[in-house]
Amino acid sequence: MAERGKRIPVEKAEKDRENAPKLEVRGISYSIDHKLIIEGINLQVKKGSFVGIVGPNGCGKSTLLKNIYKVYSPDSGVAFLDGKTLWEMPDRERAHNMSVMQQENHVEFDMTVFEMVMLGRFAYQRMFHTDKAEDRKIVMEYIREVGLEGYENRYFLSLSGGEKQRTLLARALAQKAPLIILDEPTNHLDIGYQYQIMNILKRQKLTVLSCIHDLNIAAAYCDEIVLIRKGHVFGVGRPEEMLTDENIYRLFGIHARIIPNDSTGKLHIIFLPELQKD
């Protein structure tokens, strides 16, 4: 008779599940025209954490995210969501578990804010069925959450840049997925809108993976930062571990002074450019 394996105590099994990463990336590589853009990327995102990907333009940040949410197909590697192979999940199951806010959002035809946010409920709707009262309630909940109440009947293309970004964020949140992936959600926005969107994200109690170009925003909101340089992971750790003068110089070619922000308790980064004197 074969020997039975050891029984794992219930408490340990539950603890292992709690500590398991929400999202795990193993060895993802991707190339364009035989040129490697990212190579052997390993990444873990813990449940409930806010993880920022930081690096210079062209380092592979957006390429990595697009490989995770299936815009690109990696040359090698695999990603897991709650221990399941992400790319083998049916589209509807994946949409229930992961929402995405992309950097580029080209709109083929105009629609109202309400209609745009309702697209986030698509994965919950049955074919040939109209929107349910519950869907409409959720849509209005997130329109209010992003501060756009009263804009429901405004057309998307008539909105300002910040209003468009908040509409797209409401659409991603209305999907009610426990993991949200964002590709530089504050890019090209005024500073007030940048912090407004990050505050909205932070209070959702979701697992967040986001490319972030502003280092002070990354320092203020991220639990963990992943540094990427030339298509490789350069470092992973808490903001105070990653956002050092040495790392910033190696990534961006500029020195910085890092000081505590007495108001927020977070790091504040002062850049020290070599200004030309008259």
C-alpha atoms as a PDB file:
ATOM      1  CA  MET A   1       0.000   0.000   0.000  1.00  0.00           C
ATOM      2  CA  ALA A   2       1.338   3.438  -0.893  1.00  0.00           C
ATOM      3  CA  GLU A   3       2.193   5.630   2.052  1.00  0.00           C
ATOM      4  CA  ARG A   4      -0.166   8.503   2.500  1.00  0.00           C
ATOM      5  CA  GLY A   5       1.275  12.023   2.494  1.00  0.00           C
ATOM      6  CA  LYS A   6       1.349  14.068   5.644  1.00  0.00           C
ATOM      7  CA  ARG A   7      -1.806  15.938   6.461  1.00  0.00           C
ATOM      8  CA  ILE A   8      -1.267  19.705   6.466  1.00  0.00           C
ATOM      9  CA  PRO A   9      -2.863  21.365   9.522  1.00  0.00           C
ATOM     10  CA  VAL A  10      -5.887  23.475   8.618  1.00  0.00           C
ATOM     11  CA  GLU A  11      -4.361  26.564  10.272  1.00  0.00           C
ATOM     12  CA  LYS A  12      -1.166  26.253   8.212  1.00  0.00           C
ATOM     13  CA  ALA A  13      -3.071  25.684   4.972  1.00  0.00           C
ATOM     14  CA  GLU A  14      -5.169  28.806   5.590  1.00  0.00           C
ATOM     15  CA  LYS A  15      -2.064  30.828   6.441  1.00  0.00           C
ATOM     16  CA  ASP A  16      -0.336  29.619   3.264  1.00  0.00           C
ATOM     17  CA  ARG A  17      -3.330  30.739   1.201  1.00  0.00           C
ATOM     18  CA  GLU A  18      -3.340  34.131   2.891  1.00  0.00           C
ATOM     19  CA  ASN A  19       0.371  34.621   2.204  1.00  0.00           C
ATOM     20  CA  ALA A  20       0.224  33.356  -1.383  1.00  0.00           C
ATOM     21  CA  PRO A  21       0.709  36.084  -3.993  1.00  0.00           C
ATOM     22  CA  LYS A  22      -2.402  37.422  -5.693  1.00  0.00           C
ATOM     23  CA  LEU A  23      -0.418  37.739  -8.908  1.00  0.00           C
ATOM     24  CA  GLU A  24       2.824  35.978  -9.748  1.00  0.00           C
ATOM     25  CA  VAL A  25       4.966  36.411 -12.847  1.00  0.00           C
ATOM     26  CA  ARG A  26       7.679  33.866 -13.613  1.00  0.00           C
ATOM     27  CA  GLY A  27      10.368  34.398 -16.221  1.00  0.00           C
ATOM     28  CA  ILE A  28       8.452  36.519 -18.720  1.00  0.00           C
ATOM     29  CA  SER A  29      10.481  37.546 -21.775  1.00  0.00           C
ATOM     30  CA  TYR A  30       9.214  39.413 -24.817  1.00  0.00           C
ATOM     31  CA  SER A  31      10.900  40.583 -27.987  1.00  0.00           C
ATOM     32  CA  ILE A  32       9.990  42.689 -31.012  1.00  0.00           C
ATOM     33  CA  ASP A  33      11.757  41.972 -34.310  1.00  0.00           C
ATOM     34  CA  HIS A  34      14.196  39.696 -32.467  1.00  0.00           C
ATOM     35  CA  LYS A  35      15.117  42.481 -30.026  1.00  0.00           C
ATOM     36  CA  LEU A  36      14.485  41.632 -26.367  1.00  0.00           C
ATOM     37  CA  ILE A  37      12.345  44.250 -24.663  1.00  0.00           C
ATOM     38  CA  ILE A  38      11.980  42.455 -21.313  1.00  0.00           C
ATOM     39  CA  GLU A  39      13.860  39.366 -20.208  1.00  0.00           C
ATOM     40  CA  GLY A  40      13.254  36.870 -17.421  1.00  0.00           C
ATOM     41  CA  ILE A  41      10.957  39.090 -15.354  1.00  0.00           C
ATOM     42  CA  ASN A  42       9.925  37.629 -11.992  1.00  0.00           C
ATOM     43  CA  LEU A  43       7.363  39.453  -9.891  1.00  0.00           C
ATOM     44  CA  GLN A  44       5.021  38.782  -6.972  1.00  0.00           C
ATOM     45  CA  VAL A  45       2.122  40.990  -5.913  1.00  0.00           C
ATOM     46  CA  LYS A  46       0.684  40.172  -2.498  1.00  0.00           C
ATOM     47  CA  LYS A  47      -3.037  40.309  -1.852  1.00  0.00           C
ATOM     48  CA  GLY A  48      -4.121  43.786  -0.786  1.00  0.00           C
ATOM     49  CA  SER A  49      -0.794  45.452  -1.643  1.00  0.00           C
ATOM     50  CA  PHE A  50      -0.172  48.510  -3.798  1.00  0.00           C
ATOM     51  CA  VAL A  51       2.819  47.784  -6.034  1.00  0.00           C
ATOM     52  CA  GLY A  52       4.377  50.387  -8.314  1.00  0.00           C
ATOM     53  CA  ILE A  53       6.618  49.673 -11.299  1.00  0.00           C
ATOM     54  CA  VAL A  54       9.183  52.428 -11.773  1.00  0.00           C
ATOM     55  CA  GLY A  55      11.809  52.962 -14.449  1.00  0.00           C
ATOM     56  CA  PRO A  56      12.901  55.258 -17.289  1.00  0.00           C
ATOM     57  CA  ASN A  57      11.050  55.563 -20.584  1.00  0.00           C
ATOM     58  CA  GLY A  58      11.617  52.540 -22.797  1.00  0.00           C
ATOM     59  CA  CYS A  59      12.709  50.223 -19.977  1.00  0.00           C
ATOM     60  CA  GLY A  60       9.832  47.765 -20.542  1.00  0.00           C
ATOM     61  CA  LYS A  61       7.271  48.773 -17.886  1.00  0.00           C
ATOM     62  CA  SER A  62       4.266  48.969 -20.193  1.00  0.00           C
ATOM     63  CA  THR A  63       5.465  45.952 -22.186  1.00  0.00           C
ATOM     64  CA  LEU A  64       5.453  43.876 -19.005  1.00  0.00           C
ATOM     65  CA  LEU A  65       1.892  44.880 -18.144  1.00  0.00           C
ATOM     66  CA  LYS A  66       0.690  44.186 -21.678  1.00  0.00           C
ATOM     67  CA  ASN A  67       2.160  40.697 -21.442  1.00  0.00           C
ATOM     68  CA  ILE A  68       0.254  40.161 -18.202  1.00  0.00           C
ATOM     69  CA  TYR A  69      -3.129  41.303 -19.490  1.00  0.00           C
ATOM     70  CA  LYS A  70      -2.782  39.569 -22.862  1.00  0.00           C
ATOM     71  CA  VAL A  71      -2.284  42.402 -25.324  1.00  0.00           C
ATOM     72  CA  TYR A  72       1.062  40.716 -26.055  1.00  0.00           C
ATOM     73  CA  SER A  73       1.989  37.031 -25.944  1.00  0.00           C
ATOM     74  CA  PRO A  74       5.346  36.452 -24.199  1.00  0.00           C
ATOM     75  CA  ASP A  75       8.180  34.538 -25.840  1.00  0.00           C
ATOM     76  CA  SER A  76       8.551  32.615 -22.597  1.00  0.00           C
ATOM     77  CA  GLY A  77       7.330  32.668 -19.012  1.00  0.00           C
ATOM     78  CA  VAL A  78       3.982  32.411 -17.290  1.00  0.00           C
ATOM     79  CA  ALA A  79       1.721  34.426 -14.983  1.00  0.00           C
ATOM     80  CA  PHE A  80      -0.554  33.134 -12.228  1.00  0.00           C
ATOM     81  CA  LEU A  81      -3.626  34.742 -10.705  1.00  0.00           C
ATOM     82  CA  ASP A  82      -4.641  33.163  -7.401  1.00  0.00           C
ATOM     83  CA  GLY A  83      -2.471  30.184  -8.351  1.00  0.00           C
ATOM     84  CA  LYS A  84      -4.205  29.647 -11.707  1.00  0.00           C
ATOM     85  CA  THR A  85      -2.447  30.130 -15.030  1.00  0.00           C
ATOM     86  CA  LEU A  86      -3.699  33.551 -16.064  1.00  0.00           C
ATOM     87  CA  TRP A  87      -3.642  33.075 -19.829  1.00  0.00           C
ATOM     88  CA  GLU A  88      -5.591  29.811 -19.674  1.00  0.00           C
ATOM     89  CA  MET A  89      -8.488  31.418 -17.795  1.00  0.00           C
ATOM     90  CA  PRO A  90     -11.695  31.949 -19.758  1.00  0.00           C
ATOM     91  CA  ASP A  91     -12.141  35.638 -20.608  1.00  0.00           C
ATOM     92  CA  ARG A  92     -15.165  36.042 -18.354  1.00  0.00           C
ATOM     93  CA  GLU A  93     -13.432  34.460 -15.345  1.00  0.00           C
ATOM     94  CA  ARG A  94     -10.371  36.643 -15.896  1.00  0.00           C
ATOM     95  CA  ALA A  95     -12.562  39.759 -16.116  1.00  0.00           C
ATOM     96  CA  HIS A  96     -14.183  38.839 -12.805  1.00  0.00           C
ATOM     97  CA  ASN A  97     -10.761  38.694 -11.175  1.00  0.00           C
ATOM     98  CA  MET A  98      -8.667  41.355 -12.926  1.00  0.00           C
ATOM     99  CA  SER A  99      -9.506  44.760 -14.382  1.00  0.00           C
ATOM    100  CA  VAL A 100      -7.207  46.905 -16.489  1.00  0.00           C
ATOM    101  CA  MET A 101      -6.869  50.639 -17.089  1.00  0.00           C
ATOM    102  CA  GLN A 102      -4.612  51.108 -20.092  1.00  0.00           C
ATOM    103  CA  GLN A 103      -2.500  54.129 -20.938  1.00  0.00           C
ATOM    104  CA  GLU A 104      -3.946  54.397 -24.448  1.00  0.00           C
ATOM    105  CA  ASN A 105      -7.732  54.563 -24.656  1.00  0.00           C
ATOM    106  CA  HIS A 106      -8.862  55.268 -28.203  1.00  0.00           C
ATOM    107  CA  VAL A 107     -12.634  55.663 -28.449  1.00  0.00           C
ATOM    108  CA  GLU A 108     -14.079  54.537 -31.789  1.00  0.00           C
ATOM    109  CA  PHE A 109     -17.390  56.297 -31.225  1.00  0.00           C
ATOM    110  CA  ASP A 110     -18.595  58.696 -28.581  1.00  0.00           C
ATOM    111  CA  MET A 111     -20.769  57.601 -25.668  1.00  0.00           C
ATOM    112  CA  THR A 112     -21.985  59.064 -22.411  1.00  0.00           C
ATOM    113  CA  VAL A 113     -20.102  58.759 -19.130  1.00  0.00           C
ATOM    114  CA  PHE A 114     -22.782  56.353 -17.871  1.00  0.00           C
ATOM    115  CA  GLU A 115     -22.438  54.155 -20.971  1.00  0.00           C
ATOM    116  CA  MET A 116     -18.654  54.186 -20.745  1.00  0.00           C
ATOM    117  CA  VAL A 117     -18.664  53.080 -17.093  1.00  0.00           C
ATOM    118  CA  MET A 118     -21.340  50.454 -17.852  1.00  0.00           C
ATOM    119  CA  LEU A 119     -18.779  48.717 -20.087  1.00  0.00           C
ATOM    120  CA  GLY A 120     -17.106  47.652 -16.855  1.00  0.00           C
ATOM    121  CA  ARG A 121     -20.148  45.474 -16.116  1.00  0.00           C
ATOM    122  CA  PHE A 122     -19.966  43.580 -19.418  1.00  0.00           C
ATOM    123  CA  ALA A 123     -18.464  40.436 -17.857  1.00  0.00           C
ATOM    124  CA  TYR A 124     -21.508  40.117 -15.574  1.00  0.00           C
ATOM    125  CA  GLN A 125     -24.170  40.496 -18.263  1.00  0.00           C
ATOM    126  CA  ARG A 126     -25.783  37.618 -20.117  1.00  0.00           C
ATOM    127  CA  MET A 127     -26.088  37.640 -23.888  1.00  0.00           C
ATOM    128  CA  PHE A 128     -29.121  39.541 -25.211  1.00  0.00           C
ATOM    129  CA  HIS A 129     -30.020  40.747 -21.705  1.00  0.00           C
ATOM    130  CA  THR A 130     -30.310  44.429 -20.895  1.00  0.00           C
ATOM    131  CA  ASP A 131     -28.526  46.066 -17.975  1.00  0.00           C
ATOM    132  CA  LYS A 132     -29.806  44.948 -14.617  1.00  0.00           C
ATOM    133  CA  ALA A 133     -30.813  47.333 -11.840  1.00  0.00           C
ATOM    134  CA  GLU A 134     -27.816  46.072  -9.854  1.00  0.00           C
ATOM    135  CA  ASP A 135     -25.458  46.990 -12.712  1.00  0.00           C
ATOM    136  CA  ARG A 136     -26.918  50.488 -12.939  1.00  0.00           C
ATOM    137  CA  LYS A 137     -26.574  50.891  -9.170  1.00  0.00           C
ATOM    138  CA  ILE A 138     -22.906  49.850  -9.262  1.00  0.00           C
ATOM    139  CA  VAL A 139     -22.195  52.189 -12.184  1.00  0.00           C
ATOM    140  CA  MET A 140     -23.667  55.150 -10.313  1.00  0.00           C
ATOM    141  CA  GLU A 141     -21.752  54.169  -7.177  1.00  0.00           C
ATOM    142  CA  TYR A 142     -18.423  54.479  -8.977  1.00  0.00           C
ATOM    143  CA  ILE A 143     -19.389  57.587 -10.922  1.00  0.00           C
ATOM    144  CA  ARG A 144     -19.958  59.206  -7.516  1.00  0.00           C
ATOM    145  CA  GLU A 145     -16.762  57.635  -6.138  1.00  0.00           C
ATOM    146  CA  VAL A 146     -14.625  59.375  -8.775  1.00  0.00           C
ATOM    147  CA  GLY A 147     -16.459  62.695  -8.296  1.00  0.00           C
ATOM    148  CA  LEU A 148     -18.418  62.738 -11.567  1.00  0.00           C
ATOM    149  CA  GLU A 149     -21.981  62.718 -10.259  1.00  0.00           C
ATOM    150  CA  GLY A 150     -24.025  64.928 -12.578  1.00  0.00           C
ATOM    151  CA  TYR A 151     -21.839  63.992 -15.554  1.00  0.00           C
ATOM    152  CA  GLU A 152     -23.719  60.771 -16.383  1.00  0.00           C
ATOM    153  CA  ASN A 153     -25.207  62.167 -19.610  1.00  0.00           C
ATOM    154  CA  ARG A 154     -22.132  64.125 -20.692  1.00  0.00           C
ATOM    155  CA  TYR A 155     -20.357  62.692 -23.714  1.00  0.00           C
ATOM    156  CA  PHE A 156     -16.909  61.231 -23.100  1.00  0.00           C
ATOM    157  CA  LEU A 157     -15.137  63.150 -25.858  1.00  0.00           C
ATOM    158  CA  SER A 158     -16.389  66.461 -24.443  1.00  0.00           C
ATOM    159  CA  LEU A 159     -14.605  65.877 -21.121  1.00  0.00           C
ATOM    160  CA  SER A 160     -11.312  67.313 -19.928  1.00  0.00           C
ATOM    161  CA  GLY A 161      -8.274  65.035 -19.614  1.00  0.00           C
ATOM    162  CA  GLY A 162      -8.793  64.592 -15.879  1.00  0.00           C
ATOM    163  CA  GLU A 163     -12.497  63.862 -16.300  1.00  0.00           C
ATOM    164  CA  LYS A 164     -11.742  61.242 -18.966  1.00  0.00           C
ATOM    165  CA  GLN A 165      -9.218  59.538 -16.699  1.00  0.00           C
ATOM    166  CA  ARG A 166     -11.698  59.479 -13.808  1.00  0.00           C
ATOM    167  CA  THR A 167     -14.358  58.022 -16.122  1.00  0.00           C
ATOM    168  CA  LEU A 168     -11.991  55.261 -17.228  1.00  0.00           C
ATOM    169  CA  LEU A 169     -11.051  54.595 -13.620  1.00  0.00           C
ATOM    170  CA  ALA A 170     -14.752  54.323 -12.713  1.00  0.00           C
ATOM    171  CA  ARG A 171     -15.162  51.812 -15.559  1.00  0.00           C
ATOM    172  CA  ALA A 172     -12.282  49.696 -14.243  1.00  0.00           C
ATOM    173  CA  LEU A 173     -13.594  49.850 -10.672  1.00  0.00           C
ATOM    174  CA  ALA A 174     -17.148  48.997 -11.748  1.00  0.00           C
ATOM    175  CA  GLN A 175     -15.764  45.672 -12.946  1.00  0.00           C
ATOM    176  CA  LYS A 176     -15.523  44.770  -9.234  1.00  0.00           C
ATOM    177  CA  ALA A 177     -12.355  42.744  -9.725  1.00  0.00           C
ATOM    178  CA  PRO A 178     -10.093  42.277  -6.677  1.00  0.00           C
ATOM    179  CA  LEU A 179      -6.956  43.044  -8.767  1.00  0.00           C
ATOM    180  CA  ILE A 180      -6.555  46.167 -10.884  1.00  0.00           C
ATOM    181  CA  ILE A 181      -3.657  46.806 -13.273  1.00  0.00           C
ATOM    182  CA  LEU A 182      -2.949  50.358 -14.402  1.00  0.00           C
ATOM    183  CA  ASP A 183      -0.498  51.706 -16.963  1.00  0.00           C
ATOM    184  CA  GLU A 184       0.555  55.152 -15.693  1.00  0.00           C
ATOM    185  CA  PRO A 185      -2.991  56.272 -14.748  1.00  0.00           C
ATOM    186  CA  THR A 186      -1.860  59.816 -13.917  1.00  0.00           C
ATOM    187  CA  ASN A 187       0.222  60.450 -17.044  1.00  0.00           C
ATOM    188  CA  HIS A 188      -0.352  63.879 -18.675  1.00  0.00           C
ATOM    189  CA  LEU A 189      -2.608  65.034 -15.824  1.00  0.00           C
ATOM    190  CA  ASP A 190      -2.342  68.170 -13.698  1.00  0.00           C
ATOM    191  CA  ILE A 191      -0.857  67.558 -10.263  1.00  0.00           C
ATOM    192  CA  GLY A 192      -4.225  67.880  -8.508  1.00  0.00           C
ATOM    193  CA  TYR A 193      -5.810  65.196 -10.695  1.00  0.00           C
ATOM    194  CA  GLN A 194      -2.777  62.936 -10.208  1.00  0.00           C
ATOM    195  CA  TYR A 195      -3.180  62.831  -6.435  1.00  0.00           C
ATOM    196  CA  GLN A 196      -6.968  62.691  -6.687  1.00  0.00           C
ATOM    197  CA  ILE A 197      -6.814  59.519  -8.798  1.00  0.00           C
ATOM    198  CA  MET A 198      -4.221  57.914  -6.512  1.00  0.00           C
ATOM    199  CA  ASN A 199      -6.364  58.709  -3.456  1.00  0.00           C
ATOM    200  CA  ILE A 200      -9.381  57.082  -5.127  1.00  0.00           C
ATOM    201  CA  LEU A 201      -7.332  53.966  -5.853  1.00  0.00           C
ATOM    202  CA  LYS A 202      -5.842  53.770  -2.377  1.00  0.00           C
ATOM    203  CA  ARG A 203      -9.178  53.804  -0.574  1.00  0.00           C
ATOM    204  CA  GLN A 204     -10.602  50.895  -2.619  1.00  0.00           C
ATOM    205  CA  LYS A 205      -8.764  48.217  -0.583  1.00  0.00           C
ATOM    206  CA  LEU A 206      -7.840  46.373  -3.785  1.00  0.00           C
ATOM    207  CA  THR A 207      -4.649  44.703  -4.964  1.00  0.00           C
ATOM    208  CA  VAL A 208      -3.024  47.235  -7.291  1.00  0.00           C
ATOM    209  CA  LEU A 209      -0.191  46.887  -9.808  1.00  0.00           C
ATOM    210  CA  SER A 210       0.613  50.136 -11.586  1.00  0.00           C
ATOM    211  CA  CYS A 211       3.330  51.739 -13.668  1.00  0.00           C
ATOM    212  CA  ILE A 212       4.137  55.096 -12.071  1.00  0.00           C
ATOM    213  CA  HIS A 213       6.359  57.783 -13.579  1.00  0.00           C
ATOM    214  CA  ASP A 214       6.289  60.274 -10.674  1.00  0.00           C
ATOM    215  CA  LEU A 215       8.660  59.112  -7.926  1.00  0.00           C
ATOM    216  CA  ASN A 216       7.015  61.203  -5.206  1.00  0.00           C
ATOM    217  CA  ILE A 217       3.643  59.632  -6.018  1.00  0.00           C
ATOM    218  CA  ALA A 218       5.270  56.195  -5.907  1.00  0.00           C
ATOM    219  CA  ALA A 219       6.824  57.017  -2.530  1.00  0.00           C
ATOM    220  CA  ALA A 220       3.506  58.266  -1.122  1.00  0.00           C
ATOM    221  CA  TYR A 221       1.193  55.458  -2.230  1.00  0.00           C
ATOM    222  CA  CYS A 222       3.142  52.248  -2.861  1.00  0.00           C
ATOM    223  CA  ASP A 223       3.699  49.483  -0.348  1.00  0.00           C
ATOM    224  CA  GLU A 224       6.364  48.025  -2.618  1.00  0.00           C
ATOM    225  CA  ILE A 225       8.284  49.307  -5.621  1.00  0.00           C
ATOM    226  CA  VAL A 226       9.711  47.307  -8.521  1.00  0.00           C
ATOM    227  CA  LEU A 227      12.567  49.045 -10.326  1.00  0.00           C
ATOM    228  CA  ILE A 228      13.050  48.100 -13.980  1.00  0.00           C
ATOM    229  CA  ARG A 229      16.125  48.972 -16.011  1.00  0.00           C
ATOM    230  CA  LYS A 230      16.824  47.918 -19.602  1.00  0.00           C
ATOM    231  CA  GLY A 231      14.182  45.190 -19.536  1.00  0.00           C
ATOM    232  CA  HIS A 232      15.316  43.581 -16.270  1.00  0.00           C
ATOM    233  CA  VAL A 233      14.170  43.881 -12.656  1.00  0.00           C
ATOM    234  CA  PHE A 234      16.745  46.119 -11.009  1.00  0.00           C
ATOM    235  CA  GLY A 235      15.373  45.920  -7.473  1.00  0.00           C
ATOM    236  CA  VAL A 236      12.266  45.170  -5.400  1.00  0.00           C
ATOM    237  CA  GLY A 237      11.445  46.495  -1.950  1.00  0.00           C
ATOM    238  CA  ARG A 238       9.783  49.152   0.170  1.00  0.00           C
ATOM    239  CA  PRO A 239       9.918  52.751  -1.099  1.00  0.00           C
ATOM    240  CA  GLU A 240      12.579  53.702   1.455  1.00  0.00           C
ATOM    241  CA  GLU A 241      14.753  50.816   0.240  1.00  0.00           C
ATOM    242  CA  MET A 242      14.343  51.451  -3.493  1.00  0.00           C
ATOM    243  CA  LEU A 243      14.115  55.223  -3.790  1.00  0.00           C
ATOM    244  CA  THR A 244      17.692  56.075  -2.864  1.00  0.00           C
ATOM    245  CA  ASP A 245      19.970  58.628  -4.482  1.00  0.00           C
ATOM    246  CA  GLU A 246      22.123  55.822  -5.889  1.00  0.00           C
ATOM    247  CA  ASN A 247      19.193  53.958  -7.467  1.00  0.00           C
ATOM    248  CA  ILE A 248      17.622  57.131  -8.848  1.00  0.00           C
ATOM    249  CA  TYR A 249      20.919  58.149 -10.438  1.00  0.00           C
ATOM    250  CA  ARG A 250      21.464  54.726 -11.998  1.00  0.00           C
ATOM    251  CA  LEU A 251      17.939  54.700 -13.420  1.00  0.00           C
ATOM    252  CA  PHE A 252      17.445  58.313 -14.458  1.00  0.00           C
ATOM    253  CA  GLY A 253      20.894  59.921 -14.477  1.00  0.00           C
ATOM    254  CA  ILE A 254      20.030  62.588 -11.922  1.00  0.00           C
ATOM    255  CA  HIS A 255      21.008  62.970  -8.286  1.00  0.00           C
ATOM    256  CA  ALA A 256      18.350  63.475  -5.624  1.00  0.00           C
ATOM    257  CA  ARG A 257      18.001  64.345  -1.991  1.00  0.00           C
ATOM    258  CA  ILE A 258      15.554  62.127  -0.103  1.00  0.00           C
ATOM    259  CA  ILE A 259      13.994  63.592   3.018  1.00  0.00           C
ATOM    260  CA  PRO A 260      11.021  62.647   5.223  1.00  0.00           C
ATOM    261  CA  ASN A 261       7.788  64.533   4.620  1.00  0.00           C
ATOM    262  CA  ASP A 262       6.620  65.631   8.069  1.00  0.00           C
ATOM    263  CA  SER A 263       3.010  66.016   6.893  1.00  0.00           C
ATOM    264  CA  THR A 264       2.578  62.578   5.312  1.00  0.00           C
ATOM    265  CA  GLY A 265       5.248  60.490   7.019  1.00  0.00           C
ATOM    266  CA  LYS A 266       6.400  59.388   3.551  1.00  0.00           C
ATOM    267  CA  LEU A 267       9.555  60.089   1.597  1.00  0.00           C
ATOM    268  CA  HIS A 268       9.921  63.300  -0.361  1.00  0.00           C
ATOM    269  CA  ILE A 269      12.355  63.394  -3.270  1.00  0.00           C
ATOM    270  CA  ILE A 270      14.087  66.608  -4.278  1.00  0.00           C
ATOM    271  CA  PHE A 271      15.875  66.367  -7.600  1.00  0.00           C
ATOM    272  CA  LEU A 272      19.263  68.054  -7.950  1.00  0.00           C
ATOM    273  CA  PRO A 273      19.837  68.952 -11.603  1.00  0.00           C
ATOM    274  CA  GLU A 274      23.124  70.462 -12.665  1.00  0.00           C
ATOM    275  CA  LEU A 275      21.866  73.926 -13.586  1.00  0.00           C
ATOM    276  CA  GLN A 276      23.983  76.000 -15.924  1.00  0.00           C
ATOM    277  CA  LYS A 277      25.095  79.244 -14.318  1.00  0.00           C
ATOM    278  CA  ASP A 278      25.131  82.517 -16.234  1.00  0.00           C
END
